[in-house]
PDB file of N, CA and C in Angstrom:
ATOM      1  N   MET A   1       0.847  -1.168   0.000  1.00  0.00           N
ATOM      2  CA  MET A   1       0.000   0.000   0.000  1.00  0.00           C
ATOM      3  C   MET A   1       0.898   1.238   0.000  1.00  0.00           C
ATOM      4  N   ILE A   2       0.548   2.185  -0.845  1.00  0.00           N
ATOM      5  CA  ILE A   2       1.267   3.451  -0.899  1.00  0.00           C
ATOM      6  C   ILE A   2       0.297   4.554  -0.483  1.00  0.00           C
ATOM      7  N   LEU A   3       0.698   5.313   0.516  1.00  0.00           N
ATOM      8  CA  LEU A   3      -0.058   6.480   0.976  1.00  0.00           C
ATOM      9  C   LEU A   3       0.792   7.694   0.670  1.00  0.00           C
ATOM     10  N   GLY A   4       0.237   8.699  -0.002  1.00  0.00           N
ATOM     11  CA  GLY A   4       1.085   9.837  -0.298  1.00  0.00           C
ATOM     12  C   GLY A   4       0.357  11.065  -0.796  1.00  0.00           C
ATOM     13  N   ASP A   5       1.160  12.103  -0.977  1.00  0.00           N
ATOM     14  CA  ASP A   5       0.661  13.337  -1.564  1.00  0.00           C
ATOM     15  C   ASP A   5       0.830  13.228  -3.081  1.00  0.00           C
ATOM     16  N   SER A   6       0.790  14.332  -3.776  1.00  0.00           N
ATOM     17  CA  SER A   6       0.840  14.290  -5.241  1.00  0.00           C
ATOM     18  C   SER A   6       2.126  13.669  -5.791  1.00  0.00           C
ATOM     19  N   HIS A   7       3.182  13.655  -5.011  1.00  0.00           N
ATOM     20  CA  HIS A   7       4.440  13.054  -5.468  1.00  0.00           C
ATOM     21  C   HIS A   7       4.324  11.542  -5.640  1.00  0.00           C
ATOM     22  N   ALA A   8       3.323  10.933  -5.022  1.00  0.00           N
ATOM     23  CA  ALA A   8       3.121   9.485  -5.122  1.00  0.00           C
ATOM     24  C   ALA A   8       2.152   9.098  -6.237  1.00  0.00           C
ATOM     25  N   ARG A   9       1.689  10.065  -6.976  1.00  0.00           N
ATOM     26  CA  ARG A   9       0.723   9.804  -8.054  1.00  0.00           C
ATOM     27  C   ARG A   9       1.302   8.790  -9.050  1.00  0.00           C
ATOM     28  N   ASN A  10       0.529   7.818  -9.421  1.00  0.00           N
ATOM     29  CA  ASN A  10       0.871   6.759 -10.388  1.00  0.00           C
ATOM     30  C   ASN A  10       1.919   5.768  -9.892  1.00  0.00           C
ATOM     31  N   CYS A  11       2.397   5.926  -8.672  1.00  0.00           N
ATOM     32  CA  CYS A  11       3.412   4.999  -8.151  1.00  0.00           C
ATOM     33  C   CYS A  11       2.839   3.611  -7.904  1.00  0.00           C
ATOM     34  N   ALA A  12       1.627   3.526  -7.403  1.00  0.00           N
ATOM     35  CA  ALA A  12       1.028   2.216  -7.153  1.00  0.00           C
ATOM     36  C   ALA A  12       0.874   1.447  -8.464  1.00  0.00           C
ATOM     37  N   ALA A  13       0.414   2.100  -9.498  1.00  0.00           N
ATOM     38  CA  ALA A  13       0.243   1.437 -10.794  1.00  0.00           C
ATOM     39  C   ALA A  13       1.587   0.989 -11.357  1.00  0.00           C
ATOM     40  N   GLY A  14       2.595   1.835 -11.231  1.00  0.00           N
ATOM     41  CA  GLY A  14       3.927   1.478 -11.718  1.00  0.00           C
ATOM     42  C   GLY A  14       4.518   0.304 -10.958  1.00  0.00           C
ATOM     43  N   LEU A  15       4.348   0.315  -9.645  1.00  0.00           N
ATOM     44  CA  LEU A  15       4.855  -0.780  -8.826  1.00  0.00           C
ATOM     45  C   LEU A  15       4.097  -2.072  -9.135  1.00  0.00           C
ATOM     46  N   GLN A  16       2.799  -1.971  -9.345  1.00  0.00           N
ATOM     47  CA  GLN A  16       2.002  -3.159  -9.703  1.00  0.00           C
ATOM     48  C   GLN A  16       2.498  -3.766 -10.999  1.00  0.00           C
ATOM     49  N   ARG A  17       2.816  -2.928 -11.985  1.00  0.00           N
ATOM     50  CA  ARG A  17       3.353  -3.440 -13.253  1.00  0.00           C
ATOM     51  C   ARG A  17       4.669  -4.172 -13.028  1.00  0.00           C
ATOM     52  N   GLN A  18       5.519  -3.622 -12.166  1.00  0.00           N
ATOM     53  CA  GLN A  18       6.817  -4.246 -11.899  1.00  0.00           C
ATOM     54  C   GLN A  18       6.677  -5.581 -11.160  1.00  0.00           C
ATOM     55  N   LEU A  19       5.743  -5.647 -10.229  1.00  0.00           N
ATOM     56  CA  LEU A  19       5.582  -6.857  -9.413  1.00  0.00           C
ATOM     57  C   LEU A  19       4.722  -7.918 -10.080  1.00  0.00           C
ATOM     58  N   GLY A  20       3.915  -7.502 -11.034  1.00  0.00           N
ATOM     59  CA  GLY A  20       3.028  -8.451 -11.691  1.00  0.00           C
ATOM     60  C   GLY A  20       1.983  -8.980 -10.726  1.00  0.00           C
ATOM     61  N   ARG A  21       1.687 -10.264 -10.847  1.00  0.00           N
ATOM     62  CA  ARG A  21       0.636 -10.860 -10.031  1.00  0.00           C
ATOM     63  C   ARG A  21       1.132 -11.355  -8.675  1.00  0.00           C
ATOM     64  N   LYS A  22       2.400 -11.167  -8.388  1.00  0.00           N
ATOM     65  CA  LYS A  22       2.955 -11.626  -7.105  1.00  0.00           C
ATOM     66  C   LYS A  22       2.294 -10.938  -5.919  1.00  0.00           C
ATOM     67  N   CYS A  23       1.925  -9.683  -6.106  1.00  0.00           N
ATOM     68  CA  CYS A  23       1.387  -8.863  -5.026  1.00  0.00           C
ATOM     69  C   CYS A  23       0.250  -7.993  -5.549  1.00  0.00           C
ATOM     70  N   THR A  24      -0.512  -7.473  -4.618  1.00  0.00           N
ATOM     71  CA  THR A  24      -1.532  -6.487  -4.950  1.00  0.00           C
ATOM     72  C   THR A  24      -1.079  -5.153  -4.369  1.00  0.00           C
ATOM     73  N   VAL A  25      -1.017  -4.143  -5.197  1.00  0.00           N
ATOM     74  CA  VAL A  25      -0.571  -2.823  -4.760  1.00  0.00           C
ATOM     75  C   VAL A  25      -1.760  -1.874  -4.822  1.00  0.00           C
ATOM     76  N   THR A  26      -1.985  -1.152  -3.740  1.00  0.00           N
ATOM     77  CA  THR A  26      -3.030  -0.132  -3.718  1.00  0.00           C
ATOM     78  C   THR A  26      -2.394   1.210  -3.399  1.00  0.00           C
ATOM     79  N   GLY A  27      -3.019   2.261  -3.854  1.00  0.00           N
ATOM     80  CA  GLY A  27      -2.507   3.599  -3.605  1.00  0.00           C
ATOM     81  C   GLY A  27      -3.598   4.541  -3.147  1.00  0.00           C
ATOM     82  N   HIS A  28      -3.251   5.370  -2.194  1.00  0.00           N
ATOM     83  CA  HIS A  28      -4.147   6.421  -1.707  1.00  0.00           C
ATOM     84  C   HIS A  28      -3.372   7.725  -1.830  1.00  0.00           C
ATOM     85  N   VAL A  29      -3.719   8.510  -2.841  1.00  0.00           N
ATOM     86  CA  VAL A  29      -3.005   9.755  -3.122  1.00  0.00           C
ATOM     87  C   VAL A  29      -3.903  10.932  -2.779  1.00  0.00           C
ATOM     88  N   LYS A  30      -3.370  11.838  -1.984  1.00  0.00           N
ATOM     89  CA  LYS A  30      -4.089  13.047  -1.573  1.00  0.00           C
ATOM     90  C   LYS A  30      -3.245  14.261  -1.961  1.00  0.00           C
ATOM     91  N   PRO A  31      -3.425  14.782  -3.179  1.00  0.00           N
ATOM     92  CA  PRO A  31      -2.635  15.945  -3.608  1.00  0.00           C
ATOM     93  C   PRO A  31      -2.811  17.129  -2.654  1.00  0.00           C
ATOM     94  N   GLY A  32      -1.711  17.735  -2.301  1.00  0.00           N
ATOM     95  CA  GLY A  32      -1.727  18.902  -1.427  1.00  0.00           C
ATOM     96  C   GLY A  32      -1.909  18.589   0.043  1.00  0.00           C
ATOM     97  N   ALA A  33      -2.020  17.311   0.403  1.00  0.00           N
ATOM     98  CA  ALA A  33      -2.279  16.930   1.793  1.00  0.00           C
ATOM     99  C   ALA A  33      -1.021  16.978   2.648  1.00  0.00           C
ATOM    100  N   GLY A  34      -1.232  17.287   3.903  1.00  0.00           N
ATOM    101  CA  GLY A  34      -0.172  17.196   4.891  1.00  0.00           C
ATOM    102  C   GLY A  34      -0.097  15.775   5.420  1.00  0.00           C
ATOM    103  N   MET A  35       0.896  15.513   6.256  1.00  0.00           N
ATOM    104  CA  MET A  35       1.126  14.163   6.758  1.00  0.00           C
ATOM    105  C   MET A  35      -0.073  13.617   7.535  1.00  0.00           C
ATOM    106  N   ARG A  36      -0.736  14.439   8.293  1.00  0.00           N
ATOM    107  CA  ARG A  36      -1.884  13.968   9.079  1.00  0.00           C
ATOM    108  C   ARG A  36      -2.952  13.359   8.172  1.00  0.00           C
ATOM    109  N   LEU A  37      -3.296  14.039   7.110  1.00  0.00           N
ATOM    110  CA  LEU A  37      -4.316  13.537   6.190  1.00  0.00           C
ATOM    111  C   LEU A  37      -3.814  12.318   5.417  1.00  0.00           C
ATOM    112  N   ILE A  38      -2.556  12.322   5.074  1.00  0.00           N
ATOM    113  CA  ILE A  38      -1.991  11.190   4.327  1.00  0.00           C
ATOM    114  C   ILE A  38      -2.097   9.906   5.143  1.00  0.00           C
ATOM    115  N   VAL A  39      -1.671   9.944   6.388  1.00  0.00           N
ATOM    116  CA  VAL A  39      -1.692   8.715   7.186  1.00  0.00           C
ATOM    117  C   VAL A  39      -3.114   8.294   7.544  1.00  0.00           C
ATOM    118  N   GLN A  40      -4.052   9.224   7.558  1.00  0.00           N
ATOM    119  CA  GLN A  40      -5.441   8.871   7.834  1.00  0.00           C
ATOM    120  C   GLN A  40      -6.150   8.309   6.604  1.00  0.00           C
ATOM    121  N   SER A  41      -5.618   8.579   5.423  1.00  0.00           N
ATOM    122  CA  SER A  41      -6.316   8.232   4.187  1.00  0.00           C
ATOM    123  C   SER A  41      -6.480   6.734   3.964  1.00  0.00           C
ATOM    124  N   GLY A  42      -5.591   5.930   4.476  1.00  0.00           N
ATOM    125  CA  GLY A  42      -5.704   4.487   4.273  1.00  0.00           C
ATOM    126  C   GLY A  42      -6.005   3.732   5.543  1.00  0.00           C
ATOM    127  N   LYS A  43      -6.522   4.424   6.529  1.00  0.00           N
ATOM    128  CA  LYS A  43      -6.724   3.842   7.859  1.00  0.00           C
ATOM    129  C   LYS A  43      -7.529   2.542   7.831  1.00  0.00           C
ATOM    130  N   GLU A  44      -8.647   2.523   7.129  1.00  0.00           N
ATOM    131  CA  GLU A  44      -9.490   1.324   7.111  1.00  0.00           C
ATOM    132  C   GLU A  44      -8.793   0.150   6.438  1.00  0.00           C
ATOM    133  N   GLU A  45      -8.081   0.406   5.350  1.00  0.00           N
ATOM    134  CA  GLU A  45      -7.376  -0.666   4.660  1.00  0.00           C
ATOM    135  C   GLU A  45      -6.201  -1.183   5.485  1.00  0.00           C
ATOM    136  N   ILE A  46      -5.537  -0.308   6.194  1.00  0.00           N
ATOM    137  CA  ILE A  46      -4.394  -0.719   7.015  1.00  0.00           C
ATOM    138  C   ILE A  46      -4.843  -1.695   8.099  1.00  0.00           C
ATOM    139  N   GLU A  47      -6.024  -1.495   8.613  1.00  0.00           N
ATOM    140  CA  GLU A  47      -6.533  -2.398   9.643  1.00  0.00           C
ATOM    141  C   GLU A  47      -6.742  -3.812   9.112  1.00  0.00           C
ATOM    142  N   LYS A  48      -6.794  -3.982   7.796  1.00  0.00           N
ATOM    143  CA  LYS A  48      -6.985  -5.301   7.187  1.00  0.00           C
ATOM    144  C   LYS A  48      -5.666  -5.966   6.797  1.00  0.00           C
ATOM    145  N   LEU A  49      -4.550  -5.268   6.971  1.00  0.00           N
ATOM    146  CA  LEU A  49      -3.258  -5.815   6.555  1.00  0.00           C
ATOM    147  C   LEU A  49      -2.759  -6.883   7.526  1.00  0.00           C
ATOM    148  N   HIS A  50      -1.782  -7.648   7.044  1.00  0.00           N
ATOM    149  CA  HIS A  50      -1.178  -8.711   7.836  1.00  0.00           C
ATOM    150  C   HIS A  50       0.313  -8.442   7.994  1.00  0.00           C
ATOM    151  N   GLY A  51       0.986  -9.267   8.749  1.00  0.00           N
ATOM    152  CA  GLY A  51       2.401  -9.083   9.069  1.00  0.00           C
ATOM    153  C   GLY A  51       3.352  -8.999   7.896  1.00  0.00           C
ATOM    154  N   GLU A  52       3.007  -9.585   6.757  1.00  0.00           N
ATOM    155  CA  GLU A  52       3.900  -9.563   5.602  1.00  0.00           C
ATOM    156  C   GLU A  52       3.620  -8.388   4.664  1.00  0.00           C
ATOM    157  N   ASP A  53       2.571  -7.636   4.931  1.00  0.00           N
ATOM    158  CA  ASP A  53       2.215  -6.508   4.080  1.00  0.00           C
ATOM    159  C   ASP A  53       3.137  -5.318   4.345  1.00  0.00           C
ATOM    160  N   VAL A  54       3.216  -4.443   3.374  1.00  0.00           N
ATOM    161  CA  VAL A  54       4.110  -3.281   3.449  1.00  0.00           C
ATOM    162  C   VAL A  54       3.305  -2.017   3.174  1.00  0.00           C
ATOM    163  N   VAL A  55       3.568  -0.986   3.969  1.00  0.00           N
ATOM    164  CA  VAL A  55       2.958   0.324   3.756  1.00  0.00           C
ATOM    165  C   VAL A  55       4.084   1.317   3.493  1.00  0.00           C
ATOM    166  N   VAL A  56       3.970   2.040   2.396  1.00  0.00           N
ATOM    167  CA  VAL A  56       4.926   3.095   2.064  1.00  0.00           C
ATOM    168  C   VAL A  56       4.211   4.424   2.252  1.00  0.00           C
ATOM    169  N   VAL A  57       4.776   5.274   3.087  1.00  0.00           N
ATOM    170  CA  VAL A  57       4.217   6.616   3.292  1.00  0.00           C
ATOM    171  C   VAL A  57       5.135   7.591   2.573  1.00  0.00           C
ATOM    172  N   TRP A  58       4.550   8.312   1.628  1.00  0.00           N
ATOM    173  CA  TRP A  58       5.330   9.211   0.777  1.00  0.00           C
ATOM    174  C   TRP A  58       4.718  10.594   0.900  1.00  0.00           C
ATOM    175  N   GLY A  59       5.263  11.406   1.751  1.00  0.00           N
ATOM    176  CA  GLY A  59       4.713  12.736   1.947  1.00  0.00           C
ATOM    177  C   GLY A  59       5.584  13.586   2.829  1.00  0.00           C
ATOM    178  N   GLY A  60       5.060  14.705   3.180  1.00  0.00           N
ATOM    179  CA  GLY A  60       5.775  15.630   4.047  1.00  0.00           C
ATOM    180  C   GLY A  60       6.171  16.923   3.375  1.00  0.00           C
ATOM    181  N   SER A  61       6.202  16.918   2.040  1.00  0.00           N
ATOM    182  CA  SER A  61       6.647  18.135   1.348  1.00  0.00           C
ATOM    183  C   SER A  61       5.692  19.299   1.580  1.00  0.00           C
ATOM    184  N   ASN A  62       4.413  19.013   1.728  1.00  0.00           N
ATOM    185  CA  ASN A  62       3.453  20.095   1.979  1.00  0.00           C
ATOM    186  C   ASN A  62       3.579  20.639   3.398  1.00  0.00           C
ATOM    187  N   ASP A  63       3.997  19.822   4.335  1.00  0.00           N
ATOM    188  CA  ASP A  63       4.220  20.287   5.702  1.00  0.00           C
ATOM    189  C   ASP A  63       5.517  21.088   5.812  1.00  0.00           C
ATOM    190  N   ILE A  64       6.541  20.614   5.122  1.00  0.00           N
ATOM    191  CA  ILE A  64       7.834  21.295   5.162  1.00  0.00           C
ATOM    192  C   ILE A  64       7.703  22.706   4.599  1.00  0.00           C
ATOM    193  N   SER A  65       6.893  22.832   3.550  1.00  0.00           N
ATOM    194  CA  SER A  65       6.752  24.141   2.912  1.00  0.00           C
ATOM    195  C   SER A  65       6.117  25.176   3.838  1.00  0.00           C
ATOM    196  N   ILE A  66       5.403  24.720   4.864  1.00  0.00           N
ATOM    197  CA  ILE A  66       4.822  25.673   5.817  1.00  0.00           C
ATOM    198  C   ILE A  66       5.541  25.623   7.164  1.00  0.00           C
ATOM    199  N   GLN A  67       6.788  25.153   7.135  1.00  0.00           N
ATOM    200  CA  GLN A  67       7.641  25.137   8.332  1.00  0.00           C
ATOM    201  C   GLN A  67       7.027  24.301   9.460  1.00  0.00           C
ATOM    202  N   ASN A  68       6.522  23.137   9.114  1.00  0.00           N
ATOM    203  CA  ASN A  68       5.830  22.299  10.081  1.00  0.00           C
ATOM    204  C   ASN A  68       6.482  20.918  10.182  1.00  0.00           C
ATOM    205  N   SER A  69       7.798  20.853  10.117  1.00  0.00           N
ATOM    206  CA  SER A  69       8.488  19.569  10.070  1.00  0.00           C
ATOM    207  C   SER A  69       8.351  18.770  11.363  1.00  0.00           C
ATOM    208  N   GLN A  70       8.321  19.417  12.506  1.00  0.00           N
ATOM    209  CA  GLN A  70       8.180  18.683  13.772  1.00  0.00           C
ATOM    210  C   GLN A  70       6.829  17.970  13.843  1.00  0.00           C
ATOM    211  N   GLU A  71       5.771  18.628  13.413  1.00  0.00           N
ATOM    212  CA  GLU A  71       4.450  18.006  13.409  1.00  0.00           C
ATOM    213  C   GLU A  71       4.408  16.850  12.415  1.00  0.00           C
ATOM    214  N   THR A  72       5.082  17.012  11.288  1.00  0.00           N
ATOM    215  CA  THR A  72       5.148  15.949  10.292  1.00  0.00           C
ATOM    216  C   THR A  72       5.793  14.705  10.885  1.00  0.00           C
ATOM    217  N   LEU A  73       6.907  14.880  11.549  1.00  0.00           N
ATOM    218  CA  LEU A  73       7.599  13.753  12.173  1.00  0.00           C
ATOM    219  C   LEU A  73       6.757  13.127  13.275  1.00  0.00           C
ATOM    220  N   ARG A  74       6.050  13.937  14.023  1.00  0.00           N
ATOM    221  CA  ARG A  74       5.199  13.426  15.095  1.00  0.00           C
ATOM    222  C   ARG A  74       4.077  12.566  14.509  1.00  0.00           C
ATOM    223  N   GLN A  75       3.435  13.047  13.452  1.00  0.00           N
ATOM    224  CA  GLN A  75       2.347  12.304  12.812  1.00  0.00           C
ATOM    225  C   GLN A  75       2.848  10.976  12.235  1.00  0.00           C
ATOM    226  N   LEU A  76       3.997  11.017  11.588  1.00  0.00           N
ATOM    227  CA  LEU A  76       4.555   9.806  10.996  1.00  0.00           C
ATOM    228  C   LEU A  76       4.941   8.797  12.069  1.00  0.00           C
ATOM    229  N   SER A  77       5.546   9.261  13.135  1.00  0.00           N
ATOM    230  CA  SER A  77       5.932   8.382  14.247  1.00  0.00           C
ATOM    231  C   SER A  77       4.700   7.748  14.898  1.00  0.00           C
ATOM    232  N   LYS A  78       3.690   8.541  15.142  1.00  0.00           N
ATOM    233  CA  LYS A  78       2.446   8.045  15.733  1.00  0.00           C
ATOM    234  C   LYS A  78       1.813   6.984  14.829  1.00  0.00           C
ATOM    235  N   PHE A  79       1.778   7.246  13.540  1.00  0.00           N
ATOM    236  CA  PHE A  79       1.231   6.305  12.575  1.00  0.00           C
ATOM    237  C   PHE A  79       2.011   4.994  12.583  1.00  0.00           C
ATOM    238  N   ALA A  80       3.334   5.089  12.577  1.00  0.00           N
ATOM    239  CA  ALA A  80       4.165   3.881  12.541  1.00  0.00           C
ATOM    240  C   ALA A  80       3.960   3.030  13.791  1.00  0.00           C
ATOM    241  N   LYS A  81       3.949   3.660  14.937  1.00  0.00           N
ATOM    242  CA  LYS A  81       3.756   2.909  16.185  1.00  0.00           C
ATOM    243  C   LYS A  81       2.399   2.224  16.217  1.00  0.00           C
ATOM    244  N   LYS A  82       1.368   2.927  15.814  1.00  0.00           N
ATOM    245  CA  LYS A  82       0.017   2.363  15.819  1.00  0.00           C
ATOM    246  C   LYS A  82      -0.100   1.231  14.804  1.00  0.00           C
ATOM    247  N   SER A  83       0.476   1.409  13.633  1.00  0.00           N
ATOM    248  CA  SER A  83       0.392   0.397  12.586  1.00  0.00           C
ATOM    249  C   SER A  83       1.124  -0.876  12.974  1.00  0.00           C
ATOM    250  N   VAL A  84       2.273  -0.742  13.598  1.00  0.00           N
ATOM    251  CA  VAL A  84       3.019  -1.916  14.038  1.00  0.00           C
ATOM    252  C   VAL A  84       2.217  -2.691  15.074  1.00  0.00           C
ATOM    253  N   ARG A  85       1.604  -2.011  16.003  1.00  0.00           N
ATOM    254  CA  ARG A  85       0.783  -2.688  17.015  1.00  0.00           C
ATOM    255  C   ARG A  85      -0.370  -3.430  16.346  1.00  0.00           C
ATOM    256  N   MET A  86      -1.003  -2.829  15.344  1.00  0.00           N
ATOM    257  CA  MET A  86      -2.128  -3.479  14.663  1.00  0.00           C
ATOM    258  C   MET A  86      -1.670  -4.741  13.944  1.00  0.00           C
ATOM    259  N   LEU A  87      -0.488  -4.689  13.318  1.00  0.00           N
ATOM    260  CA  LEU A  87      -0.025  -5.834  12.554  1.00  0.00           C
ATOM    261  C   LEU A  87       0.468  -6.965  13.450  1.00  0.00           C
ATOM    262  N   ILE A  88       0.978  -6.639  14.618  1.00  0.00           N
ATOM    263  CA  ILE A  88       1.466  -7.663  15.541  1.00  0.00           C
ATOM    264  C   ILE A  88       0.308  -8.398  16.188  1.00  0.00           C
ATOM    265  N   TRP A  89      -0.708  -7.674  16.564  1.00  0.00           N
ATOM    266  CA  TRP A  89      -1.824  -8.297  17.261  1.00  0.00           C
ATOM    267  C   TRP A  89      -2.709  -8.923  16.264  1.00  0.00           C
TER     268      TRP A  89
END
């Protein structure tokens, strides 16, 4: 699963072509979104993932542009900790 801002556009489709039928790749792209919205965008699908699944978060440029890097890191860290707990349990 790829979660991202406009920089992640078409990445899921490209990765799916590269991987073929070995995996299923999904993408949630939110152009202009900050990290908070990006990590929330795939929340329901993430809850369905298993231990071998991978989530790529591609964002932060919109937060950096407004001098909000600390909040970006906080949101990403919170997301990672929560996601790991969901996949372990």
